[in-house]
Amino acid sequence: ILTRSRGAFVGFFMAIIITYSFTFNAKKRYASWGLLLLLALISIPTLSKVGSVIVRSEYARVSLGMLADKPLGAGVGEFRNDYLLEKLPGAEGAVLPHSMSMTILGQCGLPGLLAFGLFLANFVYIIRILDKDKWTLNHFIFLGLLAWFIHAQLDFNFFIPGTLATFAVMQALIERPQVDDKVLGKKISTGMNILVLCLSA
């Protein structure tokens, strides 16, 4: 947010609403998600005219094309070459698609999709252990991780070792139920830590 990134503001706003919604009953929770989705849909006509959004949509188009052409992965670093061939005339070149999901899907294909699934599964696990009656440390950790994750779909914070390391550290701070102590090494979040630390190395 301090960088004044629009993607960071969007990620933080969405993360607050989603995290807070878990203190609601199911009806109110789904209603808040529906309103958030409606707001996103209403914003599409306006956002589609923003220069940075147009550029990112082109990155996504090329990345998805890479996935379609080579489902098992084109190879890390290949986005630059494909984008130079497929980009609109006059557009600047790019090394990365400024999106975590597009980077993984376009360059790593279906195997990368499995790695991306680890991130999603990690959030599912945290949601399962959130206290529904009161805010705890886990809510704030979930909010921060979710804001980072949403922003990573819109910008390149996924490629900065420092932010990946922060993501991993926040994972380690999660307060798990007492019954999880003996099987902590088998939990999805632990595997996520290892993956993130390897990526940041």
N, C-alpha and C. Protein backbone atom coordinates (compact mmCIF):
# COMPACT_ATOMS: atom_id res chain seq x y z
N ILE A 1 0.82 -1.19 0.00
CA ILE A 1 0.00 0.00 0.00
C ILE A 1 0.86 1.25 0.00
N LEU A 2 2.00 1.23 0.74
CA LEU A 2 2.88 2.39 0.81
C LEU A 2 3.46 2.75 -0.54
N THR A 3 3.50 1.80 -1.47
CA THR A 3 4.01 2.07 -2.81
C THR A 3 2.96 2.73 -3.71
N ARG A 4 1.73 2.89 -3.18
CA ARG A 4 0.61 3.49 -3.90
C ARG A 4 0.20 2.65 -5.11
N SER A 5 0.47 1.37 -5.03
CA SER A 5 0.06 0.45 -6.10
C SER A 5 -1.45 0.26 -6.04
N ARG A 6 -2.10 0.43 -7.18
CA ARG A 6 -3.56 0.23 -7.22
C ARG A 6 -3.91 -1.23 -6.93
N GLY A 7 -3.05 -2.14 -7.40
CA GLY A 7 -3.28 -3.55 -7.13
C GLY A 7 -3.21 -3.86 -5.65
N ALA A 8 -2.31 -3.18 -4.93
CA ALA A 8 -2.19 -3.39 -3.49
C ALA A 8 -3.45 -2.91 -2.77
N PHE A 9 -3.98 -1.77 -3.18
CA PHE A 9 -5.20 -1.25 -2.57
C PHE A 9 -6.37 -2.18 -2.83
N VAL A 10 -6.46 -2.69 -4.07
CA VAL A 10 -7.55 -3.61 -4.41
C VAL A 10 -7.44 -4.89 -3.58
N GLY A 11 -6.22 -5.43 -3.50
CA GLY A 11 -6.00 -6.65 -2.74
C GLY A 11 -6.33 -6.48 -1.27
N PHE A 12 -5.92 -5.34 -0.68
CA PHE A 12 -6.16 -5.08 0.74
C PHE A 12 -7.65 -4.91 1.00
N PHE A 13 -8.35 -4.18 0.12
CA PHE A 13 -9.79 -3.96 0.28
C PHE A 13 -10.55 -5.28 0.20
N MET A 14 -10.23 -6.10 -0.80
CA MET A 14 -10.91 -7.38 -0.95
C MET A 14 -10.60 -8.31 0.21
N ALA A 15 -9.36 -8.31 0.66
CA ALA A 15 -8.96 -9.19 1.77
C ALA A 15 -9.69 -8.83 3.05
N ILE A 16 -9.88 -7.54 3.31
CA ILE A 16 -10.60 -7.11 4.52
C ILE A 16 -12.03 -7.61 4.48
N ILE A 17 -12.70 -7.42 3.34
CA ILE A 17 -14.10 -7.84 3.22
C ILE A 17 -14.23 -9.36 3.38
N ILE A 18 -13.38 -10.10 2.68
CA ILE A 18 -13.46 -11.56 2.74
C ILE A 18 -13.15 -12.08 4.14
N THR A 19 -12.10 -11.55 4.76
CA THR A 19 -11.74 -12.00 6.11
C THR A 19 -12.84 -11.67 7.11
N TYR A 20 -13.36 -10.46 7.04
CA TYR A 20 -14.41 -10.06 7.98
C TYR A 20 -15.67 -10.88 7.78
N SER A 21 -15.90 -11.34 6.54
CA SER A 21 -17.12 -12.09 6.25
C SER A 21 -17.18 -13.42 6.99
N PHE A 22 -16.03 -13.93 7.43
CA PHE A 22 -16.01 -15.21 8.13
C PHE A 22 -16.52 -15.10 9.57
N THR A 23 -16.81 -13.87 10.00
CA THR A 23 -17.45 -13.70 11.31
C THR A 23 -18.97 -13.65 11.16
N PHE A 24 -19.47 -13.66 9.91
CA PHE A 24 -20.91 -13.65 9.65
C PHE A 24 -21.45 -15.07 9.60
N ASN A 25 -22.77 -15.18 9.62
CA ASN A 25 -23.38 -16.47 9.35
C ASN A 25 -23.30 -16.72 7.85
N ALA A 26 -23.62 -17.94 7.42
CA ALA A 26 -23.43 -18.32 6.02
C ALA A 26 -24.17 -17.40 5.06
N LYS A 27 -25.40 -17.03 5.39
CA LYS A 27 -26.22 -16.20 4.49
C LYS A 27 -25.58 -14.84 4.27
N LYS A 28 -25.16 -14.19 5.35
CA LYS A 28 -24.53 -12.87 5.22
C LYS A 28 -23.16 -12.98 4.55
N ARG A 29 -22.45 -14.07 4.83
CA ARG A 29 -21.13 -14.25 4.23
C ARG A 29 -21.23 -14.34 2.71
N TYR A 30 -22.15 -15.19 2.23
CA TYR A 30 -22.30 -15.34 0.79
C TYR A 30 -22.84 -14.07 0.15
N ALA A 31 -23.66 -13.33 0.87
CA ALA A 31 -24.18 -12.06 0.36
C ALA A 31 -23.05 -11.05 0.18
N SER A 32 -22.12 -11.01 1.13
CA SER A 32 -20.99 -10.07 1.03
C SER A 32 -20.08 -10.45 -0.13
N TRP A 33 -19.89 -11.76 -0.34
CA TRP A 33 -19.09 -12.20 -1.48
C TRP A 33 -19.78 -11.84 -2.79
N GLY A 34 -21.11 -11.98 -2.82
CA GLY A 34 -21.87 -11.64 -4.01
C GLY A 34 -21.76 -10.16 -4.34
N LEU A 35 -21.82 -9.32 -3.32
CA LEU A 35 -21.69 -7.87 -3.53
C LEU A 35 -20.29 -7.53 -4.04
N LEU A 36 -19.30 -8.22 -3.51
CA LEU A 36 -17.92 -7.99 -3.95
C LEU A 36 -17.76 -8.39 -5.42
N LEU A 37 -18.36 -9.52 -5.79
CA LEU A 37 -18.31 -9.97 -7.18
C LEU A 37 -19.05 -9.01 -8.09
N LEU A 38 -20.20 -8.53 -7.63
CA LEU A 38 -20.99 -7.57 -8.42
C LEU A 38 -20.20 -6.28 -8.64
N LEU A 39 -19.53 -5.82 -7.60
CA LEU A 39 -18.71 -4.61 -7.71
C LEU A 39 -17.60 -4.81 -8.73
N ALA A 40 -16.99 -6.00 -8.71
CA ALA A 40 -15.92 -6.30 -9.67
C ALA A 40 -16.46 -6.30 -11.10
N LEU A 41 -17.64 -6.89 -11.31
CA LEU A 41 -18.23 -6.95 -12.64
C LEU A 41 -18.61 -5.55 -13.15
N ILE A 42 -19.14 -4.73 -12.24
CA ILE A 42 -19.52 -3.37 -12.62
C ILE A 42 -18.29 -2.55 -13.00
N SER A 43 -17.15 -2.88 -12.39
CA SER A 43 -15.92 -2.12 -12.62
C SER A 43 -15.23 -2.48 -13.94
N ILE A 44 -15.60 -3.62 -14.52
CA ILE A 44 -14.91 -4.10 -15.72
C ILE A 44 -14.91 -3.09 -16.87
N PRO A 45 -16.06 -2.48 -17.23
CA PRO A 45 -16.04 -1.52 -18.34
C PRO A 45 -15.07 -0.37 -18.13
N THR A 46 -14.99 0.11 -16.88
CA THR A 46 -14.08 1.22 -16.58
C THR A 46 -12.63 0.76 -16.56
N LEU A 47 -12.38 -0.37 -15.91
CA LEU A 47 -11.01 -0.88 -15.80
C LEU A 47 -10.43 -1.29 -17.15
N SER A 48 -11.30 -1.75 -18.06
CA SER A 48 -10.83 -2.21 -19.37
C SER A 48 -10.24 -1.08 -20.22
N LYS A 49 -10.45 0.16 -19.78
CA LYS A 49 -9.91 1.32 -20.50
C LYS A 49 -8.61 1.84 -19.89
N VAL A 50 -8.24 1.28 -18.74
CA VAL A 50 -7.01 1.70 -18.06
C VAL A 50 -5.81 1.05 -18.75
N GLY A 51 -4.79 1.85 -19.03
CA GLY A 51 -3.63 1.36 -19.77
C GLY A 51 -2.97 0.15 -19.15
N SER A 52 -2.73 0.18 -17.83
CA SER A 52 -2.04 -0.94 -17.18
C SER A 52 -2.88 -2.21 -17.21
N VAL A 53 -4.21 -2.05 -17.17
CA VAL A 53 -5.09 -3.22 -17.23
C VAL A 53 -5.06 -3.83 -18.63
N ILE A 54 -5.03 -2.98 -19.64
CA ILE A 54 -4.95 -3.47 -21.02
C ILE A 54 -3.66 -4.26 -21.23
N VAL A 55 -2.56 -3.73 -20.72
CA VAL A 55 -1.27 -4.41 -20.85
C VAL A 55 -1.29 -5.76 -20.15
N ARG A 56 -1.85 -5.78 -18.93
CA ARG A 56 -1.90 -7.04 -18.19
C ARG A 56 -2.82 -8.06 -18.84
N SER A 57 -3.87 -7.59 -19.47
CA SER A 57 -4.76 -8.52 -20.18
C SER A 57 -4.03 -9.16 -21.36
N GLU A 58 -3.12 -8.41 -21.97
CA GLU A 58 -2.31 -8.96 -23.06
C GLU A 58 -1.32 -9.99 -22.52
N TYR A 59 -0.76 -9.70 -21.35
CA TYR A 59 0.13 -10.68 -20.71
C TYR A 59 -0.63 -11.98 -20.45
N ALA A 60 -1.86 -11.84 -19.96
CA ALA A 60 -2.68 -13.02 -19.65
C ALA A 60 -3.02 -13.78 -20.93
N ARG A 61 -3.32 -13.05 -22.00
CA ARG A 61 -3.66 -13.70 -23.27
C ARG A 61 -2.49 -14.55 -23.76
N VAL A 62 -1.30 -14.01 -23.71
CA VAL A 62 -0.12 -14.75 -24.17
C VAL A 62 0.17 -15.93 -23.26
N SER A 63 0.04 -15.73 -21.95
CA SER A 63 0.30 -16.82 -20.99
C SER A 63 -0.65 -17.98 -21.19
N LEU A 64 -1.93 -17.69 -21.38
CA LEU A 64 -2.91 -18.75 -21.60
C LEU A 64 -2.68 -19.43 -22.94
N GLY A 65 -2.18 -18.66 -23.91
CA GLY A 65 -1.83 -19.26 -25.19
C GLY A 65 -0.67 -20.23 -25.05
N MET A 66 0.29 -19.88 -24.20
CA MET A 66 1.42 -20.78 -23.93
C MET A 66 0.94 -22.07 -23.28
N LEU A 67 -0.02 -21.93 -22.36
CA LEU A 67 -0.57 -23.12 -21.69
C LEU A 67 -1.29 -24.02 -22.69
N ALA A 68 -2.03 -23.41 -23.61
CA ALA A 68 -2.75 -24.19 -24.61
C ALA A 68 -1.80 -24.89 -25.57
N ASP A 69 -0.71 -24.21 -25.93
CA ASP A 69 0.24 -24.79 -26.87
C ASP A 69 1.12 -25.86 -26.23
N LYS A 70 1.51 -25.64 -24.98
CA LYS A 70 2.39 -26.58 -24.29
C LYS A 70 1.85 -26.84 -22.88
N PRO A 71 0.88 -27.73 -22.75
CA PRO A 71 0.22 -28.00 -21.46
C PRO A 71 1.17 -28.44 -20.35
N LEU A 72 2.29 -29.06 -20.71
CA LEU A 72 3.23 -29.52 -19.69
C LEU A 72 4.26 -28.46 -19.33
N GLY A 73 4.13 -27.29 -19.94
CA GLY A 73 5.01 -26.18 -19.61
C GLY A 73 5.97 -25.82 -20.72
N ALA A 74 6.07 -24.52 -20.99
CA ALA A 74 7.00 -24.04 -22.01
C ALA A 74 8.40 -23.84 -21.44
N GLY A 75 8.48 -23.74 -20.10
CA GLY A 75 9.78 -23.54 -19.45
C GLY A 75 9.86 -22.18 -18.79
N VAL A 76 10.46 -22.15 -17.63
CA VAL A 76 10.63 -20.88 -16.90
C VAL A 76 11.51 -19.94 -17.71
N GLY A 77 11.07 -18.72 -17.89
CA GLY A 77 11.81 -17.73 -18.66
C GLY A 77 11.37 -17.61 -20.10
N GLU A 78 10.46 -18.49 -20.54
CA GLU A 78 10.03 -18.49 -21.94
C GLU A 78 8.96 -17.45 -22.24
N PHE A 79 8.38 -16.85 -21.22
CA PHE A 79 7.32 -15.85 -21.47
C PHE A 79 7.85 -14.71 -22.33
N ARG A 80 9.06 -14.28 -22.04
CA ARG A 80 9.63 -13.15 -22.78
C ARG A 80 9.66 -13.42 -24.27
N ASN A 81 10.09 -14.62 -24.67
CA ASN A 81 10.17 -14.95 -26.09
C ASN A 81 8.79 -15.02 -26.74
N ASP A 82 7.86 -15.68 -26.05
CA ASP A 82 6.51 -15.81 -26.61
C ASP A 82 5.82 -14.46 -26.71
N TYR A 83 6.05 -13.62 -25.70
CA TYR A 83 5.38 -12.31 -25.72
C TYR A 83 5.92 -11.44 -26.86
N LEU A 84 7.20 -11.52 -27.14
CA LEU A 84 7.77 -10.75 -28.24
C LEU A 84 7.14 -11.15 -29.57
N LEU A 85 6.79 -12.42 -29.70
CA LEU A 85 6.18 -12.92 -30.94
C LEU A 85 4.69 -12.59 -31.03
N GLU A 86 4.02 -12.57 -29.87
CA GLU A 86 2.56 -12.44 -29.87
C GLU A 86 2.04 -11.06 -29.48
N LYS A 87 2.90 -10.18 -28.99
CA LYS A 87 2.43 -8.89 -28.49
C LYS A 87 1.88 -8.02 -29.61
N LEU A 88 1.06 -7.05 -29.20
CA LEU A 88 0.50 -6.10 -30.16
C LEU A 88 1.60 -5.23 -30.75
N PRO A 89 1.48 -4.84 -32.02
CA PRO A 89 2.50 -3.98 -32.64
C PRO A 89 2.69 -2.69 -31.85
N GLY A 90 3.93 -2.37 -31.57
CA GLY A 90 4.23 -1.13 -30.85
C GLY A 90 4.30 -1.30 -29.34
N ALA A 91 3.81 -2.42 -28.83
CA ALA A 91 3.84 -2.64 -27.38
C ALA A 91 5.26 -2.97 -26.93
N GLU A 92 5.59 -2.56 -25.71
CA GLU A 92 6.91 -2.85 -25.17
C GLU A 92 7.04 -4.33 -24.81
N GLY A 93 8.28 -4.81 -24.82
CA GLY A 93 8.51 -6.19 -24.42
C GLY A 93 8.37 -6.35 -22.92
N ALA A 94 8.29 -7.59 -22.46
CA ALA A 94 8.15 -7.86 -21.02
C ALA A 94 8.84 -9.18 -20.70
N VAL A 95 9.47 -9.23 -19.54
CA VAL A 95 10.15 -10.44 -19.11
C VAL A 95 9.18 -11.37 -18.38
N LEU A 96 8.26 -10.78 -17.59
CA LEU A 96 7.31 -11.54 -16.79
C LEU A 96 5.90 -10.96 -16.99
N PRO A 97 4.87 -11.78 -16.81
CA PRO A 97 3.50 -11.31 -17.02
C PRO A 97 2.88 -10.56 -15.85
N HIS A 98 3.68 -10.20 -14.85
CA HIS A 98 3.17 -9.41 -13.71
C HIS A 98 2.00 -10.08 -13.02
N SER A 99 1.97 -11.38 -12.99
CA SER A 99 0.90 -12.11 -12.33
C SER A 99 1.41 -13.48 -11.93
N MET A 100 1.19 -13.82 -10.67
CA MET A 100 1.63 -15.11 -10.17
C MET A 100 0.98 -16.26 -10.92
N SER A 101 -0.34 -16.19 -11.06
CA SER A 101 -1.06 -17.29 -11.71
C SER A 101 -0.69 -17.42 -13.17
N MET A 102 -0.58 -16.29 -13.89
CA MET A 102 -0.24 -16.35 -15.31
C MET A 102 1.19 -16.82 -15.52
N THR A 103 2.08 -16.45 -14.61
CA THR A 103 3.47 -16.89 -14.70
C THR A 103 3.56 -18.41 -14.55
N ILE A 104 2.89 -18.93 -13.52
CA ILE A 104 2.95 -20.36 -13.25
C ILE A 104 2.26 -21.17 -14.35
N LEU A 105 1.08 -20.73 -14.76
CA LEU A 105 0.32 -21.47 -15.77
C LEU A 105 0.99 -21.41 -17.14
N GLY A 106 1.43 -20.22 -17.53
CA GLY A 106 2.01 -20.06 -18.85
C GLY A 106 3.34 -20.76 -19.04
N GLN A 107 4.20 -20.70 -18.02
CA GLN A 107 5.54 -21.22 -18.17
C GLN A 107 5.70 -22.65 -17.62
N CYS A 108 4.90 -23.00 -16.61
CA CYS A 108 5.04 -24.32 -15.97
C CYS A 108 3.92 -25.27 -16.32
N GLY A 109 2.89 -24.79 -16.97
CA GLY A 109 1.80 -25.64 -17.44
C GLY A 109 1.04 -26.33 -16.32
N LEU A 110 0.56 -27.53 -16.60
CA LEU A 110 -0.24 -28.28 -15.63
C LEU A 110 0.53 -28.63 -14.36
N PRO A 111 1.82 -28.99 -14.44
CA PRO A 111 2.57 -29.21 -13.20
C PRO A 111 2.59 -27.95 -12.32
N GLY A 112 2.69 -26.80 -12.97
CA GLY A 112 2.66 -25.54 -12.23
C GLY A 112 1.30 -25.31 -11.59
N LEU A 113 0.26 -25.79 -12.26
CA LEU A 113 -1.09 -25.66 -11.72
C LEU A 113 -1.21 -26.40 -10.39
N LEU A 114 -0.52 -27.53 -10.27
CA LEU A 114 -0.52 -28.28 -9.01
C LEU A 114 0.15 -27.47 -7.90
N ALA A 115 1.25 -26.79 -8.23
CA ALA A 115 1.94 -25.95 -7.25
C ALA A 115 1.05 -24.79 -6.84
N PHE A 116 0.35 -24.22 -7.81
CA PHE A 116 -0.57 -23.12 -7.52
C PHE A 116 -1.69 -23.60 -6.60
N GLY A 117 -2.08 -24.87 -6.79
CA GLY A 117 -3.12 -25.45 -5.94
C GLY A 117 -2.70 -25.50 -4.48
N LEU A 118 -1.38 -25.61 -4.22
CA LEU A 118 -0.88 -25.60 -2.84
C LEU A 118 -1.21 -24.29 -2.16
N PHE A 119 -1.07 -23.19 -2.89
CA PHE A 119 -1.42 -21.89 -2.33
C PHE A 119 -2.89 -21.85 -1.95
N LEU A 120 -3.75 -22.31 -2.87
CA LEU A 120 -5.19 -22.30 -2.63
C LEU A 120 -5.56 -23.22 -1.46
N ALA A 121 -4.96 -24.41 -1.43
CA ALA A 121 -5.25 -25.36 -0.36
C ALA A 121 -4.83 -24.80 0.99
N ASN A 122 -3.78 -24.01 0.99
CA ASN A 122 -3.31 -23.40 2.21
C ASN A 122 -4.35 -22.47 2.81
N PHE A 123 -5.01 -21.69 1.95
CA PHE A 123 -6.05 -20.78 2.42
C PHE A 123 -7.26 -21.55 2.93
N VAL A 124 -7.57 -22.65 2.26
CA VAL A 124 -8.70 -23.49 2.71
C VAL A 124 -8.43 -24.01 4.12
N TYR A 125 -7.18 -24.42 4.37
CA TYR A 125 -6.83 -24.93 5.70
C TYR A 125 -6.98 -23.84 6.76
N ILE A 126 -6.49 -22.64 6.46
CA ILE A 126 -6.58 -21.55 7.44
C ILE A 126 -8.04 -21.22 7.73
N ILE A 127 -8.86 -21.20 6.68
CA ILE A 127 -10.29 -20.90 6.87
C ILE A 127 -10.93 -21.92 7.81
N ARG A 128 -10.51 -23.16 7.67
CA ARG A 128 -11.08 -24.24 8.50
C ARG A 128 -10.79 -24.03 9.99
N ILE A 129 -9.65 -23.43 10.31
CA ILE A 129 -9.27 -23.30 11.72
C ILE A 129 -9.55 -21.90 12.27
N LEU A 130 -10.14 -21.01 11.46
CA LEU A 130 -10.48 -19.68 11.96
C LEU A 130 -11.56 -19.77 13.03
N ASP A 131 -11.41 -18.98 14.07
CA ASP A 131 -12.42 -18.90 15.12
C ASP A 131 -13.58 -18.07 14.58
N LYS A 132 -14.76 -18.66 14.53
CA LYS A 132 -15.92 -17.98 13.96
C LYS A 132 -16.57 -17.01 14.93
N ASP A 133 -16.20 -17.05 16.22
CA ASP A 133 -16.85 -16.21 17.23
C ASP A 133 -16.09 -14.92 17.52
N LYS A 134 -14.79 -14.91 17.31
CA LYS A 134 -14.02 -13.71 17.62
C LYS A 134 -12.78 -13.63 16.72
N TRP A 135 -12.24 -12.41 16.62
CA TRP A 135 -11.02 -12.21 15.83
C TRP A 135 -9.82 -12.68 16.64
N THR A 136 -8.96 -13.42 15.98
CA THR A 136 -7.74 -13.91 16.61
C THR A 136 -6.55 -13.54 15.73
N LEU A 137 -5.37 -13.97 16.17
CA LEU A 137 -4.17 -13.73 15.37
C LEU A 137 -4.32 -14.34 13.97
N ASN A 138 -4.97 -15.49 13.88
CA ASN A 138 -5.14 -16.15 12.59
C ASN A 138 -5.91 -15.30 11.59
N HIS A 139 -6.87 -14.53 12.07
CA HIS A 139 -7.63 -13.66 11.17
C HIS A 139 -6.72 -12.61 10.53
N PHE A 140 -5.84 -12.03 11.34
CA PHE A 140 -4.94 -11.01 10.82
C PHE A 140 -3.90 -11.62 9.87
N ILE A 141 -3.44 -12.82 10.21
CA ILE A 141 -2.50 -13.51 9.32
C ILE A 141 -3.18 -13.85 8.00
N PHE A 142 -4.40 -14.36 8.09
CA PHE A 142 -5.17 -14.70 6.89
C PHE A 142 -5.38 -13.46 6.04
N LEU A 143 -5.73 -12.35 6.68
CA LEU A 143 -5.94 -11.09 5.94
C LEU A 143 -4.67 -10.69 5.19
N GLY A 144 -3.53 -10.74 5.88
CA GLY A 144 -2.28 -10.35 5.23
C GLY A 144 -1.90 -11.28 4.09
N LEU A 145 -2.04 -12.58 4.31
CA LEU A 145 -1.72 -13.55 3.27
C LEU A 145 -2.64 -13.40 2.06
N LEU A 146 -3.92 -13.18 2.33
CA LEU A 146 -4.89 -13.05 1.25
C LEU A 146 -4.66 -11.77 0.45
N ALA A 147 -4.35 -10.67 1.15
CA ALA A 147 -4.05 -9.41 0.45
C ALA A 147 -2.82 -9.59 -0.45
N TRP A 148 -1.79 -10.27 0.08
CA TRP A 148 -0.59 -10.55 -0.71
C TRP A 148 -0.94 -11.40 -1.93
N PHE A 149 -1.74 -12.44 -1.71
CA PHE A 149 -2.09 -13.37 -2.78
C PHE A 149 -2.89 -12.69 -3.89
N ILE A 150 -3.86 -11.87 -3.51
CA ILE A 150 -4.66 -11.15 -4.52
C ILE A 150 -3.78 -10.18 -5.29
N HIS A 151 -2.92 -9.46 -4.55
CA HIS A 151 -2.02 -8.52 -5.21
C HIS A 151 -1.07 -9.24 -6.16
N ALA A 152 -0.67 -10.46 -5.79
CA ALA A 152 0.25 -11.23 -6.63
C ALA A 152 -0.37 -11.61 -7.97
N GLN A 153 -1.70 -11.57 -8.07
CA GLN A 153 -2.35 -11.85 -9.35
C GLN A 153 -2.36 -10.61 -10.24
N LEU A 154 -2.04 -9.46 -9.66
CA LEU A 154 -2.12 -8.20 -10.38
C LEU A 154 -0.77 -7.53 -10.58
N ASP A 155 0.23 -7.98 -9.85
CA ASP A 155 1.53 -7.33 -9.92
C ASP A 155 2.63 -8.35 -9.67
N PHE A 156 3.88 -7.88 -9.54
CA PHE A 156 5.01 -8.81 -9.51
C PHE A 156 5.59 -9.03 -8.12
N ASN A 157 4.80 -8.86 -7.04
CA ASN A 157 5.37 -9.10 -5.72
C ASN A 157 5.74 -10.56 -5.51
N PHE A 158 5.16 -11.45 -6.33
CA PHE A 158 5.50 -12.88 -6.25
C PHE A 158 6.97 -13.13 -6.60
N PHE A 159 7.57 -12.22 -7.36
CA PHE A 159 8.94 -12.42 -7.84
C PHE A 159 9.99 -11.74 -6.97
N ILE A 160 9.55 -11.15 -5.86
CA ILE A 160 10.47 -10.47 -4.95
C ILE A 160 10.76 -11.38 -3.76
N PRO A 161 12.01 -11.84 -3.60
CA PRO A 161 12.33 -12.79 -2.53
C PRO A 161 11.88 -12.34 -1.15
N GLY A 162 11.99 -11.04 -0.86
CA GLY A 162 11.61 -10.54 0.45
C GLY A 162 10.14 -10.76 0.77
N THR A 163 9.27 -10.56 -0.21
CA THR A 163 7.83 -10.73 0.04
C THR A 163 7.48 -12.22 0.15
N LEU A 164 8.18 -13.06 -0.60
CA LEU A 164 7.96 -14.50 -0.48
C LEU A 164 8.40 -15.00 0.89
N ALA A 165 9.52 -14.48 1.37
CA ALA A 165 10.00 -14.87 2.69
C ALA A 165 9.02 -14.43 3.77
N THR A 166 8.46 -13.22 3.60
CA THR A 166 7.46 -12.72 4.56
C THR A 166 6.23 -13.62 4.56
N PHE A 167 5.83 -14.06 3.38
CA PHE A 167 4.69 -14.97 3.25
C PHE A 167 4.96 -16.25 4.05
N ALA A 168 6.16 -16.77 3.94
CA ALA A 168 6.53 -18.00 4.64
C ALA A 168 6.57 -17.80 6.14
N VAL A 169 7.11 -16.66 6.58
CA VAL A 169 7.18 -16.38 8.01
C VAL A 169 5.78 -16.27 8.62
N MET A 170 4.88 -15.61 7.89
CA MET A 170 3.50 -15.48 8.37
C MET A 170 2.83 -16.84 8.50
N GLN A 171 3.20 -17.77 7.61
CA GLN A 171 2.68 -19.13 7.71
C GLN A 171 3.08 -19.75 9.04
N ALA A 172 4.32 -19.51 9.44
CA ALA A 172 4.83 -20.13 10.66
C ALA A 172 4.17 -19.56 11.91
N LEU A 173 3.55 -18.38 11.81
CA LEU A 173 2.92 -17.75 12.96
C LEU A 173 1.48 -18.20 13.18
N ILE A 174 0.95 -19.00 12.26
CA ILE A 174 -0.45 -19.44 12.38
C ILE A 174 -0.63 -20.27 13.65
N GLU A 175 -1.66 -19.92 14.42
CA GLU A 175 -1.99 -20.68 15.62
C GLU A 175 -2.86 -21.86 15.23
N ARG A 176 -2.33 -23.07 15.38
CA ARG A 176 -3.06 -24.26 14.98
C ARG A 176 -3.74 -24.89 16.18
N PRO A 177 -4.84 -25.61 15.93
CA PRO A 177 -5.51 -26.32 17.03
C PRO A 177 -4.54 -27.26 17.72
N GLN A 178 -4.75 -27.50 19.00
CA GLN A 178 -3.85 -28.34 19.79
C GLN A 178 -3.68 -29.73 19.19
N VAL A 179 -4.73 -30.24 18.58
CA VAL A 179 -4.66 -31.60 18.04
C VAL A 179 -3.71 -31.69 16.86
N ASP A 180 -3.33 -30.55 16.29
CA ASP A 180 -2.45 -30.56 15.12
C ASP A 180 -0.98 -30.67 15.49
N ASP A 181 -0.64 -30.50 16.78
CA ASP A 181 0.76 -30.42 17.18
C ASP A 181 1.58 -31.63 16.76
N LYS A 182 1.00 -32.83 16.87
CA LYS A 182 1.74 -34.05 16.58
C LYS A 182 1.89 -34.33 15.09
N VAL A 183 1.08 -33.66 14.27
CA VAL A 183 1.13 -33.93 12.83
C VAL A 183 1.44 -32.67 12.05
N LEU A 184 2.11 -31.72 12.71
CA LEU A 184 2.40 -30.43 12.08
C LEU A 184 3.18 -30.60 10.79
N GLY A 185 4.11 -31.55 10.78
CA GLY A 185 4.94 -31.74 9.60
C GLY A 185 4.16 -32.21 8.40
N LYS A 186 2.97 -32.74 8.61
CA LYS A 186 2.16 -33.24 7.51
C LYS A 186 1.16 -32.22 6.99
N LYS A 187 1.09 -31.07 7.63
CA LYS A 187 0.09 -30.10 7.26
C LYS A 187 0.47 -29.38 5.97
N ILE A 188 -0.56 -28.98 5.25
CA ILE A 188 -0.36 -28.30 3.98
C ILE A 188 0.45 -27.03 4.15
N SER A 189 0.19 -26.29 5.22
CA SER A 189 0.89 -25.02 5.42
C SER A 189 2.39 -25.21 5.58
N THR A 190 2.82 -26.32 6.16
CA THR A 190 4.24 -26.59 6.30
C THR A 190 4.87 -26.82 4.92
N GLY A 191 4.19 -27.58 4.09
CA GLY A 191 4.66 -27.79 2.72
C GLY A 191 4.72 -26.49 1.95
N MET A 192 3.76 -25.62 2.23
CA MET A 192 3.73 -24.31 1.59
C MET A 192 4.95 -23.49 1.98
N ASN A 193 5.31 -23.56 3.28
CA ASN A 193 6.50 -22.85 3.75
C ASN A 193 7.74 -23.29 2.98
N ILE A 194 7.90 -24.60 2.84
CA ILE A 194 9.07 -25.15 2.14
C ILE A 194 9.11 -24.68 0.70
N LEU A 195 7.95 -24.73 0.03
CA LEU A 195 7.87 -24.31 -1.36
C LEU A 195 8.23 -22.83 -1.52
N VAL A 196 7.65 -22.00 -0.67
CA VAL A 196 7.90 -20.56 -0.75
C VAL A 196 9.35 -20.22 -0.45
N LEU A 197 9.94 -20.88 0.56
CA LEU A 197 11.33 -20.63 0.88
C LEU A 197 12.26 -21.05 -0.26
N CYS A 198 11.92 -22.15 -0.94
CA CYS A 198 12.72 -22.59 -2.10
C CYS A 198 12.62 -21.57 -3.23
N LEU A 199 11.43 -21.03 -3.44
CA LEU A 199 11.24 -20.04 -4.49
C LEU A 199 12.00 -18.74 -4.18
N SER A 200 12.07 -18.39 -2.91
CA SER A 200 12.72 -17.15 -2.54
C SER A 200 14.24 -17.28 -2.47
N ALA A 201 14.74 -18.52 -2.49
CA ALA A 201 16.18 -18.74 -2.33
C ALA A 201 16.87 -18.24 -3.56
